[in-house]
Protein backbone atom coordinates (compact mmCIF):
# COMPACT_ATOMS: atom_id res chain seq x y z
CA MET A 1 100.27 53.94 45.13
CA ALA A 2 103.86 52.67 45.41
CA ARG A 3 104.48 48.95 45.25
CA VAL A 4 108.08 49.36 46.41
CA VAL A 5 109.20 51.34 49.44
CA ALA A 6 112.86 52.30 49.55
CA VAL A 7 114.59 53.14 52.90
CA HIS A 8 117.93 54.96 52.71
CA GLY A 9 120.87 54.63 55.06
CA ILE A 10 123.18 56.92 57.10
CA GLY A 11 124.72 60.15 55.87
CA LYS A 12 121.69 61.37 53.77
CA GLN A 13 120.78 64.24 56.05
CA THR A 14 121.34 66.89 53.38
CA LEU A 15 119.30 65.15 50.80
CA GLY A 16 115.50 64.48 50.59
CA GLU A 17 112.93 61.95 49.42
CA ASP A 18 112.68 63.29 45.92
CA THR A 19 116.46 63.49 45.40
CA LEU A 20 117.02 59.95 46.68
CA ARG A 21 114.07 58.41 44.66
CA LYS A 22 115.66 59.97 41.49
CA GLU A 23 118.99 58.32 42.52
CA TRP A 24 117.61 54.97 43.45
CA LEU A 25 115.01 54.39 40.58
CA PRO A 26 117.54 53.98 37.72
CA ALA A 27 119.71 51.65 39.89
CA LEU A 28 116.55 49.56 40.81
CA ASN A 29 115.71 49.26 37.17
CA ASP A 30 119.13 48.30 36.20
CA GLY A 31 119.05 45.47 38.71
CA LEU A 32 115.61 44.39 37.55
CA ALA A 33 116.81 44.54 33.89
CA ARG A 34 119.78 42.23 34.91
CA ALA A 35 117.18 39.82 36.32
CA GLY A 36 115.06 39.89 33.25
CA ALA A 37 112.17 41.74 34.98
CA ASP A 38 109.98 44.64 33.91
CA ARG A 39 111.14 48.18 34.90
CA LEU A 40 109.45 50.22 37.57
CA ALA A 41 107.82 53.52 36.86
CA GLU A 42 108.24 56.50 39.12
CA PRO A 43 104.86 56.06 40.89
CA ASP A 44 105.81 52.48 41.77
CA VAL A 45 108.59 53.62 44.16
CA ALA A 46 108.21 55.63 47.42
CA MET A 47 111.28 56.83 49.34
CA ALA A 48 110.83 56.66 53.15
CA PHE A 49 112.98 59.65 54.16
CA TYR A 50 114.18 60.23 57.74
CA GLY A 51 117.59 61.83 57.12
CA ASP A 52 116.52 65.34 58.06
CA LEU A 53 115.95 64.21 61.65
CA PHE A 54 119.78 64.08 61.99
CA ARG A 55 120.37 67.40 60.31
CA THR A 56 121.63 70.14 62.55
CA GLN A 57 119.19 73.23 62.43
CA GLY A 58 120.64 75.82 60.05
CA GLU A 59 122.25 78.95 61.42
CA PHE A 60 123.71 81.90 59.62
CA LEU A 61 127.48 81.39 58.80
CA ALA A 62 127.23 77.67 59.70
CA VAL A 63 128.02 75.17 56.83
CA GLY A 64 127.76 71.47 56.53
CA ASP A 65 127.94 68.90 59.26
CA PRO A 66 129.08 69.70 62.81
CA PRO A 67 132.85 70.11 62.94
CA TYR A 68 133.36 66.80 64.80
CA THR A 69 136.76 65.56 65.81
CA ALA A 70 138.12 62.36 67.42
CA ALA A 71 137.29 63.94 70.81
CA ASP A 72 133.55 63.81 69.96
CA VAL A 73 133.41 59.99 69.62
CA ALA A 74 131.48 59.14 72.78
CA GLU A 75 132.70 56.33 75.12
CA GLY A 76 130.86 53.05 74.94
CA PHE A 77 128.69 52.43 71.85
CA GLU A 78 130.37 54.86 69.45
CA GLN A 79 133.94 53.79 70.37
CA GLU A 80 133.05 50.14 70.14
CA LEU A 81 131.34 50.55 66.70
CA LEU A 82 134.40 52.55 65.45
CA LEU A 83 136.71 49.78 66.56
CA ALA A 84 134.53 47.15 65.01
CA TRP A 85 134.65 49.06 61.60
CA TRP A 86 138.44 49.29 62.03
CA SER A 87 138.83 45.49 62.53
CA ALA A 88 136.44 44.73 59.58
CA ALA A 89 138.23 47.15 57.30
CA ALA A 90 141.71 45.69 58.22
CA ALA A 91 140.43 42.18 57.52
CA SER A 92 139.37 43.06 53.91
CA ASP A 93 141.89 45.82 52.96
CA PRO A 94 145.63 45.17 53.14
CA ALA A 95 146.27 48.93 53.30
CA VAL A 96 144.63 49.21 56.77
CA VAL A 97 146.89 48.50 59.71
CA PRO A 98 144.95 46.14 61.99
CA PRO A 99 144.26 47.20 65.48
CA GLY A 100 146.61 45.72 68.03
CA ALA A 101 145.53 44.15 71.36
CA ASP A 102 146.40 47.30 73.21
CA THR A 103 144.11 49.47 70.92
CA LEU A 104 141.04 47.26 71.41
CA VAL A 105 140.42 49.18 74.69
CA SER A 106 138.18 52.20 74.35
CA THR A 107 140.58 55.05 74.91
CA PRO A 108 141.05 58.44 73.24
CA ARG A 109 144.30 57.09 71.69
CA SER A 110 142.53 54.23 70.20
CA VAL A 111 139.90 56.40 68.65
CA GLN A 112 142.50 58.60 67.03
CA ALA A 113 144.32 55.55 65.77
CA ALA A 114 141.07 54.03 64.39
CA LEU A 115 140.13 57.25 62.62
CA ARG A 116 143.65 57.61 61.23
CA ALA A 117 143.62 54.00 59.94
CA LEU A 118 140.21 54.18 58.45
CA SER A 119 141.00 57.38 56.57
CA GLY A 120 143.33 55.28 54.44
CA ALA A 121 140.94 52.52 53.79
CA ARG A 122 139.27 51.92 50.32
CA PHE A 123 135.95 51.72 52.08
CA PHE A 124 136.26 55.20 53.58
CA ALA A 125 137.93 56.84 50.55
CA GLY A 126 136.97 60.47 50.35
CA VAL A 127 135.04 60.47 53.62
CA ALA A 128 136.00 63.30 55.84
CA LEU A 129 136.70 62.62 59.52
CA ARG A 130 133.80 64.69 60.66
CA ALA A 131 131.52 62.81 58.37
CA MET A 132 132.72 59.51 59.67
CA VAL A 133 132.06 60.58 63.31
CA PHE A 134 128.71 61.95 62.35
CA ASP A 135 127.79 58.55 60.84
CA LEU A 136 128.63 56.94 64.21
CA LYS A 137 126.39 59.37 65.94
CA GLN A 138 123.52 58.75 63.60
CA VAL A 139 123.55 55.03 64.45
CA HIS A 140 123.97 55.73 68.13
CA GLY A 141 121.25 58.34 68.08
CA TYR A 142 118.72 56.16 66.43
CA LEU A 143 119.32 53.29 68.87
CA THR A 144 119.38 55.36 72.06
CA ASP A 145 117.09 58.40 71.46
CA PRO A 146 113.41 57.16 71.81
CA ASP A 147 111.89 60.27 70.32
CA LEU A 148 114.17 60.25 67.26
CA ARG A 149 113.65 56.46 66.83
CA ALA A 150 109.86 56.87 66.94
CA GLN A 151 109.98 59.67 64.41
CA ALA A 152 112.13 57.68 62.02
CA LEU A 153 109.98 54.72 62.43
CA ALA A 154 106.86 56.68 61.79
CA ARG A 155 108.34 57.97 58.46
CA VAL A 156 108.87 54.47 57.27
CA ALA A 157 105.64 53.03 58.57
CA ASP A 158 103.70 55.78 56.82
CA GLN A 159 104.97 54.68 53.44
CA ILE A 160 104.23 50.91 53.98
CA ARG A 161 100.60 50.70 52.85
CA GLU A 162 98.14 48.05 51.61
CA ASP A 163 99.63 47.98 48.10
CA THR A 164 103.21 47.87 49.24
CA ARG A 165 104.76 44.51 48.16
CA VAL A 166 108.53 45.15 48.58
CA VAL A 167 110.68 47.00 51.04
CA VAL A 168 114.31 47.65 49.94
CA ALA A 169 116.43 49.07 52.81
CA HIS A 170 120.01 50.11 52.96
CA SER A 171 122.42 50.35 55.89
CA LEU A 172 120.87 51.95 59.00
CA GLY A 173 117.61 52.04 56.99
CA SER A 174 117.44 48.31 57.23
CA VAL A 175 117.20 48.54 60.95
CA VAL A 176 114.50 51.09 60.69
CA ALA A 177 112.64 49.06 58.04
CA TYR A 178 113.01 45.82 60.14
CA GLU A 179 111.50 47.50 63.29
CA ALA A 180 108.74 49.23 61.29
CA LEU A 181 107.67 45.91 59.83
CA CYS A 182 107.67 44.15 63.22
CA ALA A 183 105.63 47.04 64.60
CA ARG A 184 102.95 46.40 61.82
CA PRO A 185 101.46 42.90 62.29
CA GLY A 186 99.24 41.99 59.41
CA HIS A 187 101.25 43.97 56.74
CA ARG A 188 101.08 42.63 53.22
CA VAL A 189 104.74 43.12 52.30
CA GLY A 190 105.94 39.96 50.43
CA ALA A 191 109.62 40.74 50.15
CA LEU A 192 112.12 42.49 52.35
CA VAL A 193 115.46 43.19 50.69
CA THR A 194 118.28 44.40 53.01
CA ILE A 195 121.52 45.64 51.52
CA GLY A 196 124.68 46.62 53.40
CA SER A 197 122.88 45.87 56.66
CA PRO A 198 124.34 46.07 60.15
CA LEU A 199 121.43 44.09 61.56
CA GLY A 200 123.49 41.04 62.57
CA ILE A 201 126.14 42.88 64.72
CA PRO A 202 125.68 41.37 68.18
CA ASN A 203 125.43 43.64 71.24
CA LEU A 204 125.81 46.93 69.27
CA ILE A 205 122.77 46.42 66.95
CA LEU A 206 121.21 43.01 67.26
CA HIS A 207 120.58 43.09 70.93
CA ARG A 208 119.25 46.67 70.77
CA LEU A 209 116.42 45.92 68.27
CA GLN A 210 112.78 46.51 69.11
CA PRO A 211 111.36 43.98 69.76
CA PRO A 212 114.49 42.42 71.36
CA PRO A 213 115.64 39.05 70.25
CA LEU A 214 114.33 36.11 72.23
CA ALA A 215 116.77 34.20 74.39
CA LEU A 216 115.55 30.53 74.34
CA ASP A 217 117.72 27.44 74.67
CA GLY A 218 120.38 28.65 72.24
CA PRO A 219 121.75 31.97 70.91
CA PRO A 220 119.18 34.87 70.83
CA ARG A 221 116.81 34.65 67.97
CA ALA A 222 115.26 37.85 66.57
CA VAL A 223 111.64 38.22 65.75
CA TRP A 224 110.53 37.45 62.14
CA PRO A 225 109.39 40.80 60.64
CA GLY A 226 106.13 39.68 58.95
CA HIS A 227 104.02 36.80 57.98
CA ALA A 228 105.29 33.34 57.28
CA GLY A 229 105.27 33.85 53.55
CA LEU A 230 107.55 36.95 53.64
CA VAL A 231 110.77 36.44 51.60
CA TRP A 232 113.65 38.19 53.21
CA THR A 233 116.91 38.54 51.08
CA ASN A 234 120.01 40.04 52.58
CA LEU A 235 122.76 41.15 50.37
CA ALA A 236 126.29 42.10 51.58
CA ASP A 237 129.54 42.95 49.89
CA ASP A 238 132.53 41.11 51.42
CA GLY A 239 134.29 44.46 51.91
CA ASP A 240 131.38 46.24 53.32
CA VAL A 241 132.45 47.36 56.83
CA VAL A 242 128.98 48.49 57.90
CA ALA A 243 127.53 45.08 57.02
CA LEU A 244 129.90 43.53 59.54
CA VAL A 245 127.96 40.24 59.84
CA LYS A 246 127.16 39.04 56.42
CA ASP A 247 125.03 36.00 57.27
CA LEU A 248 121.88 36.91 59.19
CA ARG A 249 120.53 33.40 59.47
CA PRO A 250 121.94 32.52 62.96
CA ALA A 251 120.18 35.51 64.40
CA PHE A 252 116.95 35.70 62.19
CA GLY A 253 116.43 32.19 61.01
CA GLU A 254 117.32 29.97 58.10
CA GLU A 255 114.52 31.52 56.12
CA VAL A 256 116.72 34.58 55.36
CA ARG A 257 118.33 34.25 51.95
CA CYS A 258 121.85 35.60 52.27
CA ALA A 259 124.27 36.35 49.41
CA ILE A 260 127.76 38.05 48.97
CA LEU A 261 128.02 40.61 46.20
CA HIS A 262 130.99 42.32 44.68
CA ASN A 263 130.64 46.07 44.45
CA GLY A 264 134.26 46.84 43.87
CA ALA A 265 135.47 50.06 45.46
CA ARG A 266 131.91 51.07 46.22
CA ALA A 267 131.36 48.36 48.76
CA HIS A 268 128.60 50.15 50.79
CA ASP A 269 127.11 52.26 48.00
CA ALA A 270 123.36 51.73 47.83
CA THR A 271 123.24 52.11 43.98
CA ALA A 272 125.98 49.49 43.49
CA TYR A 273 123.87 46.90 45.46
CA LEU A 274 120.70 47.80 43.57
CA THR A 275 122.20 47.26 40.16
CA ASP A 276 123.12 43.67 40.89
CA ALA A 277 121.07 40.99 39.26
CA LEU A 278 120.47 39.14 42.67
CA CYS A 279 118.91 42.39 44.04
CA GLY A 280 116.80 42.75 41.01
CA GLN A 281 115.66 39.12 41.36
CA ALA A 282 114.75 39.59 45.03
CA ILE A 283 112.68 42.57 44.16
CA MET A 284 111.02 40.75 41.22
CA ASP A 285 110.10 37.86 43.46
CA GLY A 286 108.18 40.21 45.70
CA LEU A 287 106.31 41.87 42.83
CA VAL A 288 104.92 38.81 41.08
């Protein structure tokens, strides 16, 4: 049985569990090698795959993702997340024109401006407009469609078993993994490693989690996803637009170990995170 459960992020709807495991396993082992740890064998790693839940059902003569345009970015959540990405990209990439005060209002013009600005960002290099919009809709869909959310959570929860010691989750997958662990009190996972995670984004992500954060005397504090001995490590690249909030401690507690990595031009790429020594160390800590 697998000791490590991997949870992928957005934009993987055309792949599958076997494809992604073959992509992640060498990167996991490179990170472990950098940390001086033993390598994992293929049976040690299970990929919790939920990407197909977002895949449009095939039709003859239809190819690829739906042909989304700026007009398909829905008001509210999708426009707000897009503008948050734009602001974050402008803060870390001099080539991106920052949004002006008049474009921080959710209007069709601001959506077009955001997509145009982001198309020239290093972070979104090579990402087609329709793919960018589709990513927005995946995050939105998970957080607002109860049936889709339940199915994705079931996929992840099914892979977390008695012998699972480490969960490594990327991007939107970190949200799914967090909620799956919260929904399984008594689980024996010893280490949660989140990479490129949007979990700390207030209002858009953090306040929509299940279970919701607790509002006590201070800022809302999210539920701890396991037993007191669980070691949670959160890794974020400084230029990772999706990991908008790099430090999760204010929202999830001082116990979260947070670190900034440097993935170069591949700021949000899962394999770039996995090959880092800090990621390997975090995984190794859960396996010992």
